[in-house]
N, C-alpha and C. Protein backbone atom coordinates (compact mmCIF):
# COMPACT_ATOMS: atom_id res chain seq x y z
N MET A 1 9.78 -31.75 -4.43
CA MET A 1 10.60 -31.22 -3.36
C MET A 1 9.99 -31.67 -2.02
N VAL A 2 10.84 -32.13 -1.14
CA VAL A 2 10.40 -32.61 0.16
C VAL A 2 10.77 -31.58 1.22
N PHE A 3 9.80 -31.23 2.03
CA PHE A 3 10.05 -30.30 3.13
C PHE A 3 10.00 -31.08 4.44
N THR A 4 10.95 -30.84 5.30
CA THR A 4 10.97 -31.48 6.61
C THR A 4 10.59 -30.44 7.65
N LEU A 5 9.60 -30.77 8.45
CA LEU A 5 9.21 -29.87 9.54
C LEU A 5 9.97 -30.25 10.79
N MET A 6 10.58 -29.30 11.42
CA MET A 6 11.31 -29.53 12.66
C MET A 6 10.52 -28.87 13.77
N LYS A 7 9.85 -29.68 14.56
CA LYS A 7 9.10 -29.14 15.68
C LYS A 7 10.04 -28.96 16.85
N THR A 8 9.90 -27.88 17.55
CA THR A 8 10.71 -27.63 18.72
C THR A 8 9.79 -27.38 19.91
N CYS A 9 10.33 -27.59 21.07
CA CYS A 9 9.56 -27.42 22.29
C CYS A 9 10.28 -26.46 23.22
N TYR A 10 9.55 -25.62 23.85
CA TYR A 10 10.15 -24.67 24.78
C TYR A 10 10.62 -25.41 26.03
N ASP A 11 11.85 -25.20 26.41
CA ASP A 11 12.42 -25.83 27.59
C ASP A 11 12.20 -24.91 28.78
N LYS A 12 11.32 -25.32 29.68
CA LYS A 12 11.00 -24.50 30.84
C LYS A 12 12.17 -24.39 31.82
N LYS A 13 13.05 -25.38 31.83
CA LYS A 13 14.19 -25.36 32.74
C LYS A 13 15.21 -24.31 32.34
N LYS A 14 15.38 -24.11 31.04
CA LYS A 14 16.37 -23.15 30.53
C LYS A 14 15.61 -22.06 29.81
N LYS A 15 15.26 -21.04 30.53
CA LYS A 15 14.46 -19.97 29.94
C LYS A 15 15.12 -19.41 28.68
N GLY A 16 14.31 -19.26 27.66
CA GLY A 16 14.78 -18.68 26.42
C GLY A 16 15.43 -19.67 25.47
N THR A 17 15.51 -20.96 25.85
CA THR A 17 16.09 -21.94 24.94
C THR A 17 14.99 -22.84 24.40
N VAL A 18 15.27 -23.47 23.30
CA VAL A 18 14.31 -24.35 22.65
C VAL A 18 14.91 -25.75 22.57
N MET A 19 14.13 -26.74 22.93
CA MET A 19 14.60 -28.13 22.87
C MET A 19 14.20 -28.74 21.53
N THR A 20 15.10 -29.55 20.96
CA THR A 20 14.76 -30.30 19.76
C THR A 20 13.85 -31.46 20.18
N PRO A 21 13.16 -32.08 19.24
CA PRO A 21 12.35 -33.25 19.58
C PRO A 21 13.20 -34.37 20.21
N GLN A 22 14.44 -34.53 19.74
CA GLN A 22 15.31 -35.55 20.30
C GLN A 22 15.66 -35.25 21.75
N GLU A 23 15.92 -33.98 22.05
CA GLU A 23 16.24 -33.60 23.43
C GLU A 23 15.04 -33.81 24.34
N LYS A 24 13.86 -33.49 23.85
CA LYS A 24 12.65 -33.68 24.64
C LYS A 24 12.43 -35.17 24.92
N GLU A 25 12.58 -36.00 23.91
CA GLU A 25 12.42 -37.45 24.09
C GLU A 25 13.49 -37.99 25.04
N PHE A 26 14.71 -37.48 24.90
CA PHE A 26 15.80 -37.91 25.78
C PHE A 26 15.47 -37.61 27.23
N GLU A 27 14.98 -36.41 27.50
CA GLU A 27 14.62 -36.05 28.87
C GLU A 27 13.55 -36.98 29.42
N ALA A 28 12.61 -37.38 28.57
CA ALA A 28 11.55 -38.28 29.00
C ALA A 28 12.08 -39.70 29.23
N MET A 29 13.09 -40.11 28.48
CA MET A 29 13.59 -41.48 28.51
C MET A 29 14.84 -41.68 29.38
N LYS A 30 15.50 -40.61 29.76
CA LYS A 30 16.79 -40.70 30.44
C LYS A 30 16.74 -41.60 31.68
N SER A 31 15.77 -41.41 32.51
CA SER A 31 15.65 -42.21 33.73
C SER A 31 15.47 -43.70 33.40
N GLU A 32 14.67 -43.99 32.39
CA GLU A 32 14.43 -45.38 31.99
C GLU A 32 15.71 -46.01 31.42
N ILE A 33 16.46 -45.25 30.66
CA ILE A 33 17.72 -45.75 30.12
C ILE A 33 18.67 -46.11 31.27
N HIS A 34 18.76 -45.25 32.26
CA HIS A 34 19.62 -45.52 33.42
C HIS A 34 19.17 -46.78 34.15
N LYS A 35 17.86 -46.93 34.34
CA LYS A 35 17.32 -48.12 35.01
C LYS A 35 17.65 -49.39 34.25
N GLU A 36 17.53 -49.34 32.93
CA GLU A 36 17.81 -50.52 32.11
C GLU A 36 19.27 -50.92 32.18
N ILE A 37 20.16 -49.94 32.16
CA ILE A 37 21.60 -50.23 32.26
C ILE A 37 21.93 -50.83 33.62
N ARG A 38 21.35 -50.25 34.67
CA ARG A 38 21.57 -50.79 36.03
C ARG A 38 21.03 -52.21 36.14
N ALA A 39 19.90 -52.50 35.50
CA ALA A 39 19.31 -53.84 35.53
C ALA A 39 20.22 -54.86 34.84
N ILE A 40 20.80 -54.47 33.71
CA ILE A 40 21.73 -55.37 33.02
C ILE A 40 22.93 -55.67 33.92
N PHE A 41 23.46 -54.64 34.56
CA PHE A 41 24.60 -54.82 35.47
C PHE A 41 24.23 -55.77 36.62
N LYS A 42 23.10 -55.51 37.27
CA LYS A 42 22.71 -56.34 38.41
C LYS A 42 22.43 -57.78 38.01
N THR A 43 21.85 -57.99 36.85
CA THR A 43 21.59 -59.35 36.36
C THR A 43 22.90 -60.11 36.21
N ASN A 44 23.88 -59.46 35.62
CA ASN A 44 25.17 -60.11 35.45
C ASN A 44 25.88 -60.34 36.78
N MET A 45 25.73 -59.44 37.72
CA MET A 45 26.30 -59.65 39.06
C MET A 45 25.69 -60.90 39.70
N LYS A 46 24.38 -61.07 39.57
CA LYS A 46 23.72 -62.26 40.13
C LYS A 46 24.25 -63.53 39.48
N ILE A 47 24.44 -63.49 38.17
CA ILE A 47 24.95 -64.68 37.48
C ILE A 47 26.34 -65.03 37.99
N PHE A 48 27.21 -64.04 38.16
CA PHE A 48 28.54 -64.30 38.71
C PHE A 48 28.42 -64.92 40.10
N ASP A 49 27.52 -64.39 40.94
CA ASP A 49 27.34 -64.93 42.29
C ASP A 49 26.83 -66.36 42.28
N TRP A 50 25.93 -66.68 41.36
CA TRP A 50 25.40 -68.04 41.27
C TRP A 50 26.47 -69.02 40.78
N ASP A 51 27.29 -68.58 39.83
CA ASP A 51 28.23 -69.48 39.18
C ASP A 51 29.57 -69.63 39.90
N ILE A 52 29.92 -68.67 40.76
CA ILE A 52 31.24 -68.69 41.39
C ILE A 52 31.09 -68.74 42.90
N PRO A 53 31.44 -69.88 43.51
CA PRO A 53 31.42 -69.94 44.98
C PRO A 53 32.42 -68.92 45.56
N GLU A 54 32.05 -68.27 46.62
CA GLU A 54 32.93 -67.27 47.26
C GLU A 54 33.36 -66.19 46.25
N ASN A 55 32.43 -65.72 45.46
CA ASN A 55 32.70 -64.72 44.44
C ASN A 55 33.25 -63.43 45.05
N ASP A 56 34.23 -62.86 44.39
CA ASP A 56 34.74 -61.54 44.73
C ASP A 56 33.88 -60.53 43.97
N ASP A 57 32.90 -59.95 44.65
CA ASP A 57 31.92 -59.08 44.00
C ASP A 57 32.56 -57.86 43.36
N ARG A 58 33.55 -57.27 44.01
CA ARG A 58 34.20 -56.09 43.43
C ARG A 58 34.90 -56.44 42.13
N ALA A 59 35.64 -57.56 42.12
CA ALA A 59 36.33 -57.97 40.89
C ALA A 59 35.32 -58.27 39.79
N SER A 60 34.23 -58.94 40.15
CA SER A 60 33.19 -59.24 39.17
C SER A 60 32.57 -57.95 38.62
N ALA A 61 32.29 -57.00 39.51
CA ALA A 61 31.69 -55.74 39.09
C ALA A 61 32.61 -55.01 38.11
N GLU A 62 33.90 -54.99 38.39
CA GLU A 62 34.84 -54.30 37.51
C GLU A 62 34.91 -54.98 36.15
N LEU A 63 34.89 -56.31 36.12
CA LEU A 63 34.91 -57.03 34.84
C LEU A 63 33.63 -56.76 34.04
N ILE A 64 32.50 -56.78 34.73
CA ILE A 64 31.22 -56.53 34.06
C ILE A 64 31.19 -55.10 33.51
N LEU A 65 31.62 -54.14 34.32
CA LEU A 65 31.66 -52.76 33.86
C LEU A 65 32.59 -52.60 32.66
N GLY A 66 33.69 -53.33 32.66
CA GLY A 66 34.61 -53.29 31.54
C GLY A 66 33.94 -53.77 30.26
N ALA A 67 33.21 -54.88 30.35
CA ALA A 67 32.49 -55.41 29.19
C ALA A 67 31.42 -54.44 28.72
N MET A 68 30.72 -53.83 29.68
CA MET A 68 29.68 -52.86 29.32
C MET A 68 30.30 -51.64 28.65
N GLN A 69 31.46 -51.19 29.14
CA GLN A 69 32.13 -50.04 28.55
C GLN A 69 32.59 -50.36 27.13
N GLU A 70 33.11 -51.58 26.93
CA GLU A 70 33.51 -51.99 25.58
C GLU A 70 32.33 -51.93 24.63
N ALA A 71 31.18 -52.41 25.09
CA ALA A 71 29.98 -52.40 24.25
C ALA A 71 29.55 -50.96 23.95
N LEU A 72 29.61 -50.08 24.95
CA LEU A 72 29.27 -48.67 24.72
C LEU A 72 30.25 -48.01 23.76
N ASP A 73 31.53 -48.32 23.90
CA ASP A 73 32.53 -47.76 23.00
C ASP A 73 32.28 -48.20 21.56
N THR A 74 31.92 -49.47 21.38
CA THR A 74 31.61 -49.99 20.05
C THR A 74 30.39 -49.28 19.47
N LEU A 75 29.35 -49.13 20.29
CA LEU A 75 28.16 -48.42 19.84
C LEU A 75 28.50 -46.98 19.45
N LYS A 76 29.32 -46.33 20.25
CA LYS A 76 29.69 -44.94 19.95
C LYS A 76 30.43 -44.86 18.62
N GLU A 77 31.34 -45.81 18.36
CA GLU A 77 32.05 -45.84 17.08
C GLU A 77 31.07 -46.04 15.92
N GLU A 78 30.09 -46.93 16.13
CA GLU A 78 29.10 -47.18 15.09
C GLU A 78 28.25 -45.93 14.81
N VAL A 79 27.88 -45.22 15.86
CA VAL A 79 27.11 -43.98 15.69
C VAL A 79 27.95 -42.95 14.94
N THR A 80 29.20 -42.80 15.35
CA THR A 80 30.09 -41.85 14.71
C THR A 80 30.31 -42.16 13.23
N SER A 81 30.36 -43.45 12.90
CA SER A 81 30.59 -43.84 11.51
C SER A 81 29.33 -43.75 10.66
N GLY A 82 28.19 -43.46 11.30
CA GLY A 82 26.95 -43.27 10.54
C GLY A 82 26.07 -44.50 10.45
N LYS A 83 26.41 -45.55 11.14
CA LYS A 83 25.64 -46.80 11.05
C LYS A 83 24.15 -46.60 11.37
N TYR A 84 23.85 -45.68 12.27
CA TYR A 84 22.47 -45.50 12.71
C TYR A 84 21.84 -44.23 12.15
N ASP A 85 22.44 -43.64 11.13
CA ASP A 85 21.90 -42.41 10.55
C ASP A 85 20.50 -42.61 9.96
N ASN A 86 20.22 -43.80 9.45
CA ASN A 86 18.92 -44.10 8.87
C ASN A 86 18.32 -45.33 9.52
N TYR A 87 18.28 -45.34 10.83
CA TYR A 87 17.86 -46.52 11.59
C TYR A 87 16.40 -46.76 11.43
């Protein structure tokens, strides 16, 4: 028989609540995740500017965001379908 230990951490921000290990890790990583996504966006904006003379930055930004949203939607579908349940 296998026993799984679930460690929890007290959340000081929400008195009386307990954070799961995943929530605690998420809080620690959230800022880094945001920075990485912003870096991907900015890198692609630079590439558009280098490759397109007189680039329309707003149009480029909207196209890049659209591609990023498609990728996030695909990832969300994969998570929902269980693809990463045993990652």
